[in-house]
């Protein structure tokens, strides 16, 4: 191929290809995604300087959506791929705490970033399904035990990082609020929660605004989480009532 082949590879024609294949496209927060990075040689010998994998999402900023890389790390060291050669590299990738859950209004995907000498980046993206950790699931189930129903999620950039809020609709007539929002933060020995309640305004305040927002922090210890959603629900009820 010589010079012409290298020039074609530089614009992506006949260059090496990189394809990330997941064993399972889903994992809980705190678990790991696994699979292989498959590299297929093109028409010319090329140097693969590195292959990075990471997770990305989008968050809301004013009226636009911003693509944000949660993290990226090298999974394949440098090597040379010969024409037509096929190689596979197994990998494991963590799903760190703070990764948004895959819910209506939020999405997460796997990003493959390859640096191939003398060629365009043959990047790859793959959708993944992120489920709550068991502790997060216990809190979500507790809210549902109290009659709250998850209606949407929203990812924003706050406190120097991406934060996902889960919005729940209250059961009819049981609480003086229109919406309960939960945000999860990792903490040693349990979970840290931000609770936000949209409360109906009454009296003179109702002439100025229809709703108030009340916020509270709640550290949920591991000992309480181990007792299950029923025990968490009893504590959650009292905190919601205090805010509403």
Protein backbone atom coordinates (compact mmCIF):
# COMPACT_ATOMS: atom_id res chain seq x y z
CA UNK A 1 0.00 0.00 0.00
CA UNK A 2 2.81 2.40 0.84
CA UNK A 3 2.22 6.13 0.85
CA UNK A 4 -1.26 5.99 -0.75
CA UNK A 5 -2.49 3.45 1.77
CA UNK A 6 -1.26 5.57 4.68
CA UNK A 7 -2.96 8.65 3.25
CA UNK A 8 -6.24 6.76 2.88
CA UNK A 9 -5.97 5.41 6.44
CA UNK A 10 -5.45 8.96 7.68
CA UNK A 11 -8.97 9.84 6.51
CA UNK A 12 -10.46 6.56 7.75
CA UNK A 13 -10.37 4.54 4.52
CA UNK A 14 -8.84 1.12 5.10
CA UNK A 15 -7.75 2.04 8.64
CA UNK A 16 -7.90 -0.19 11.70
CA UNK A 17 -11.31 -0.51 13.38
CA UNK A 18 -12.07 -0.65 17.08
CA UNK A 19 -15.26 -2.25 18.41
CA UNK A 20 -16.18 -2.56 22.10
CA UNK A 21 -18.36 -5.55 22.95
CA UNK A 22 -20.02 -5.74 26.35
CA UNK A 23 -20.70 -9.08 28.02
CA UNK A 24 -23.87 -7.52 29.47
CA UNK A 25 -25.00 -3.95 28.71
CA UNK A 26 -26.19 -3.35 32.28
CA UNK A 27 -24.81 -3.08 35.80
CA UNK A 28 -25.69 -1.70 39.21
CA UNK A 29 -23.99 1.40 40.57
CA UNK A 30 -20.87 0.15 42.34
CA UNK A 31 -20.51 -2.93 40.09
CA UNK A 32 -18.42 -3.35 36.96
CA UNK A 33 -19.07 -3.63 33.23
CA UNK A 34 -17.01 -6.21 31.37
CA UNK A 35 -16.35 -7.22 27.78
CA UNK A 36 -13.67 -7.10 25.10
CA UNK A 37 -12.20 -4.41 22.89
CA UNK A 38 -11.85 -5.91 19.41
CA UNK A 39 -9.29 -4.33 17.07
CA UNK A 40 -9.36 -5.25 13.37
CA UNK A 41 -6.34 -4.32 11.29
CA UNK A 42 -6.88 -2.37 8.09
CA UNK A 43 -4.91 -2.25 4.86
CA UNK A 44 -1.69 -0.93 6.37
CA UNK A 45 0.30 -1.60 9.52
CA UNK A 46 -0.61 0.94 12.20
CA UNK A 47 0.47 1.80 15.72
CA UNK A 48 -2.34 1.85 18.31
CA UNK A 49 -1.09 4.27 20.92
CA UNK A 50 -3.92 3.62 23.37
CA UNK A 51 -7.59 2.71 23.74
CA UNK A 52 -9.57 4.43 26.51
CA UNK A 53 -13.01 3.51 27.79
CA UNK A 54 -15.32 5.64 29.88
CA UNK A 55 -18.90 6.51 30.70
CA UNK A 56 -20.72 9.61 29.50
CA UNK A 57 -24.09 11.23 30.09
CA UNK A 58 -25.94 14.48 29.44
CA UNK A 59 -27.04 17.07 31.93
CA UNK A 60 -29.41 20.00 31.66
CA UNK A 61 -27.98 23.50 31.57
CA UNK A 62 -30.59 26.23 31.14
CA UNK A 63 -32.50 25.13 28.02
CA UNK A 64 -29.80 22.95 26.48
CA UNK A 65 -28.31 19.49 27.05
CA UNK A 66 -24.56 19.21 27.70
CA UNK A 67 -22.64 16.01 26.98
CA UNK A 68 -20.38 15.16 29.91
CA UNK A 69 -17.75 12.43 30.29
CA UNK A 70 -18.04 10.98 33.78
CA UNK A 71 -14.61 9.36 33.57
CA UNK A 72 -12.25 7.72 31.08
CA UNK A 73 -9.37 5.30 31.63
CA UNK A 74 -6.89 3.34 29.47
CA UNK A 75 -7.79 -0.32 28.94
CA UNK A 76 -5.45 -1.29 26.06
CA UNK A 77 -1.72 -0.48 26.05
CA UNK A 78 0.17 0.58 22.93
CA UNK A 79 0.78 -2.06 20.24
CA UNK A 80 1.14 -2.44 16.50
CA UNK A 81 -1.64 -4.02 14.43
CA UNK A 82 -0.70 -5.69 11.17
CA UNK A 83 -2.86 -5.54 8.01
CA UNK A 84 -5.88 -7.82 8.42
CA UNK A 85 -4.88 -8.89 11.95
CA UNK A 86 -7.62 -9.28 14.59
CA UNK A 87 -6.96 -8.90 18.30
CA UNK A 88 -9.18 -8.82 21.38
CA UNK A 89 -8.48 -7.28 24.78
CA UNK A 90 -10.71 -8.13 27.79
CA UNK A 91 -11.63 -5.30 30.14
CA UNK A 92 -13.52 -4.45 33.31
CA UNK A 93 -14.84 -0.96 33.92
CA UNK A 94 -16.24 0.34 37.23
CA UNK A 95 -19.63 2.00 37.49
CA UNK A 96 -18.78 4.57 40.18
CA UNK A 97 -21.19 6.04 42.70
CA UNK A 98 -22.70 9.18 41.23
CA UNK A 99 -23.33 7.59 37.84
CA UNK A 100 -26.89 8.54 36.77
CA UNK A 101 -29.45 5.75 36.65
CA UNK A 102 -30.98 4.82 33.32
CA UNK A 103 -34.43 6.33 33.76
CA UNK A 104 -36.74 8.49 31.64
CA UNK A 105 -34.93 11.79 31.29
CA UNK A 106 -31.43 10.36 31.89
CA UNK A 107 -29.13 8.18 29.81
CA UNK A 108 -25.60 6.80 30.10
CA UNK A 109 -23.39 5.29 27.42
CA UNK A 110 -19.97 3.69 27.03
CA UNK A 111 -17.44 5.75 25.08
CA UNK A 112 -14.49 4.19 23.26
CA UNK A 113 -11.65 6.57 22.43
CA UNK A 114 -8.77 5.21 20.34
CA UNK A 115 -5.53 6.93 19.36
CA UNK A 116 -4.22 5.38 16.15
CA UNK A 117 -1.09 6.82 14.62
CA UNK A 118 -1.78 8.52 11.31
CA UNK A 119 -5.52 7.86 11.33
CA UNK A 120 -8.80 9.46 12.34
CA UNK A 121 -10.13 8.40 15.76
CA UNK A 122 -12.34 5.33 15.14
CA UNK A 123 -14.35 6.00 18.28
CA UNK A 124 -17.35 3.92 19.33
CA UNK A 125 -20.37 4.44 21.63
CA UNK A 126 -22.61 1.81 23.21
CA UNK A 127 -25.69 2.40 25.32
CA UNK A 128 -25.65 0.89 28.81
CA UNK A 129 -28.38 0.34 31.38
CA UNK A 130 -27.40 1.58 34.84
CA UNK A 131 -29.42 0.21 37.73
CA UNK A 132 -29.44 1.48 41.33
CA UNK A 133 -27.18 -0.06 43.92
CA UNK A 134 -28.95 -2.29 46.42
CA UNK A 135 -28.89 0.52 49.01
CA UNK A 136 -30.33 3.03 46.54
CA UNK A 137 -32.96 0.50 45.50
CA UNK A 138 -33.98 0.08 49.16
CA UNK A 139 -34.62 3.84 49.48
CA UNK A 140 -36.52 4.00 46.18
CA UNK A 141 -38.64 1.03 47.27
CA UNK A 142 -39.28 2.77 50.61
CA UNK A 143 -40.67 5.81 48.79
CA UNK A 144 -42.89 3.52 46.72
CA UNK A 145 -44.02 1.69 49.88
CA UNK A 146 -45.34 5.08 51.07
CA UNK A 147 -47.34 5.46 47.88
CA UNK A 148 -44.96 7.75 46.00
CA UNK A 149 -44.60 6.99 42.29
CA UNK A 150 -41.50 7.77 40.27
CA UNK A 151 -42.47 10.06 37.41
CA UNK A 152 -39.20 11.37 35.95
CA UNK A 153 -35.51 12.02 36.50
CA UNK A 154 -33.30 14.99 35.73
CA UNK A 155 -29.51 15.26 35.61
CA UNK A 156 -27.84 18.56 36.44
CA UNK A 157 -24.35 19.82 37.22
CA UNK A 158 -24.23 20.89 40.85
CA UNK A 159 -21.80 20.78 43.76
CA UNK A 160 -18.92 20.34 41.29
CA UNK A 161 -20.27 17.13 39.76
CA UNK A 162 -23.18 15.60 37.90
CA UNK A 163 -26.22 15.09 40.15
CA UNK A 164 -29.35 13.13 39.27
CA UNK A 165 -32.67 13.99 40.90
CA UNK A 166 -35.52 11.48 41.03
CA UNK A 167 -38.98 13.07 41.13
CA UNK A 168 -41.87 11.26 42.80
CA UNK A 169 -45.59 12.08 42.74
CA UNK A 170 -47.21 11.75 46.19
CA UNK A 171 -50.26 9.61 46.89
CA UNK A 172 -53.48 11.59 46.61
CA UNK A 173 -54.51 13.42 49.76
CA UNK A 174 -51.82 12.03 52.09
CA UNK A 175 -49.21 14.81 52.08
CA UNK A 176 -49.31 18.59 51.67
CA UNK A 177 -46.92 18.51 48.74
CA UNK A 178 -46.96 18.21 44.98
CA UNK A 179 -43.59 16.53 44.45
CA UNK A 180 -40.80 14.77 46.32
CA UNK A 181 -37.29 14.84 44.86
CA UNK A 182 -34.43 12.60 45.98
CA UNK A 183 -30.72 12.87 45.11
CA UNK A 184 -28.18 10.26 46.24
CA UNK A 185 -24.61 10.92 47.35
CA UNK A 186 -22.07 8.27 48.38
CA UNK A 187 -21.02 8.34 52.01
CA UNK A 188 -18.96 6.00 54.21
CA UNK A 189 -21.21 3.62 56.10
CA UNK A 190 -24.43 4.43 54.27
CA UNK A 191 -26.05 6.85 51.88
CA UNK A 192 -26.38 10.64 51.98
CA UNK A 193 -29.70 11.91 50.59
CA UNK A 194 -30.88 15.34 49.57
CA UNK A 195 -34.65 15.58 49.99
CA UNK A 196 -36.57 18.38 48.32
CA UNK A 197 -40.29 18.90 48.76
CA UNK A 198 -42.48 21.16 46.64
CA UNK A 199 -45.10 22.20 49.18
CA UNK A 200 -48.44 23.80 48.50
CA UNK A 201 -48.66 27.37 49.76
CA UNK A 202 -51.58 28.34 52.03
CA UNK A 203 -52.93 31.54 53.55
CA UNK A 204 -51.33 34.85 52.65
CA UNK A 205 -48.38 33.11 51.00
CA UNK A 206 -50.68 31.63 48.38
CA UNK A 207 -51.29 35.15 47.05
CA UNK A 208 -47.60 35.45 46.20
CA UNK A 209 -46.71 31.94 45.13
CA UNK A 210 -48.45 28.62 44.69
CA UNK A 211 -45.64 26.45 46.08
CA UNK A 212 -42.72 26.49 48.51
CA UNK A 213 -39.56 24.42 48.23
CA UNK A 214 -38.16 22.81 51.36
CA UNK A 215 -34.88 20.92 51.43
CA UNK A 216 -33.24 18.61 53.92
CA UNK A 217 -30.24 16.30 54.18
CA UNK A 218 -30.54 12.78 55.51
CA UNK A 219 -27.73 10.34 56.20
CA UNK A 220 -29.16 6.83 55.96
CA UNK A 221 -26.86 4.49 57.90
CA UNK A 222 -26.03 1.04 56.57
CA UNK A 223 -27.62 -0.54 59.65
CA UNK A 224 -30.99 0.99 58.74
CA UNK A 225 -30.64 0.04 55.08
CA UNK A 226 -30.01 -3.60 56.08
CA UNK A 227 -33.39 -3.65 57.85
CA UNK A 228 -35.09 -3.24 54.48
CA UNK A 229 -37.46 -0.84 52.78
CA UNK A 230 -40.11 -1.04 55.52
CA UNK A 231 -37.78 0.37 58.17
CA UNK A 232 -36.47 3.04 55.80
CA UNK A 233 -40.05 3.97 54.83
CA UNK A 234 -40.98 4.69 58.46
CA UNK A 235 -38.05 7.10 58.81
CA UNK A 236 -38.68 8.63 55.39
CA UNK A 237 -42.33 9.30 56.24
CA UNK A 238 -41.36 11.38 59.26
CA UNK A 239 -38.81 13.40 57.32
CA UNK A 240 -41.22 14.12 54.48
CA UNK A 241 -43.91 15.18 56.95
CA UNK A 242 -41.45 17.50 58.70
CA UNK A 243 -40.61 19.18 55.40
CA UNK A 244 -44.20 19.42 54.22
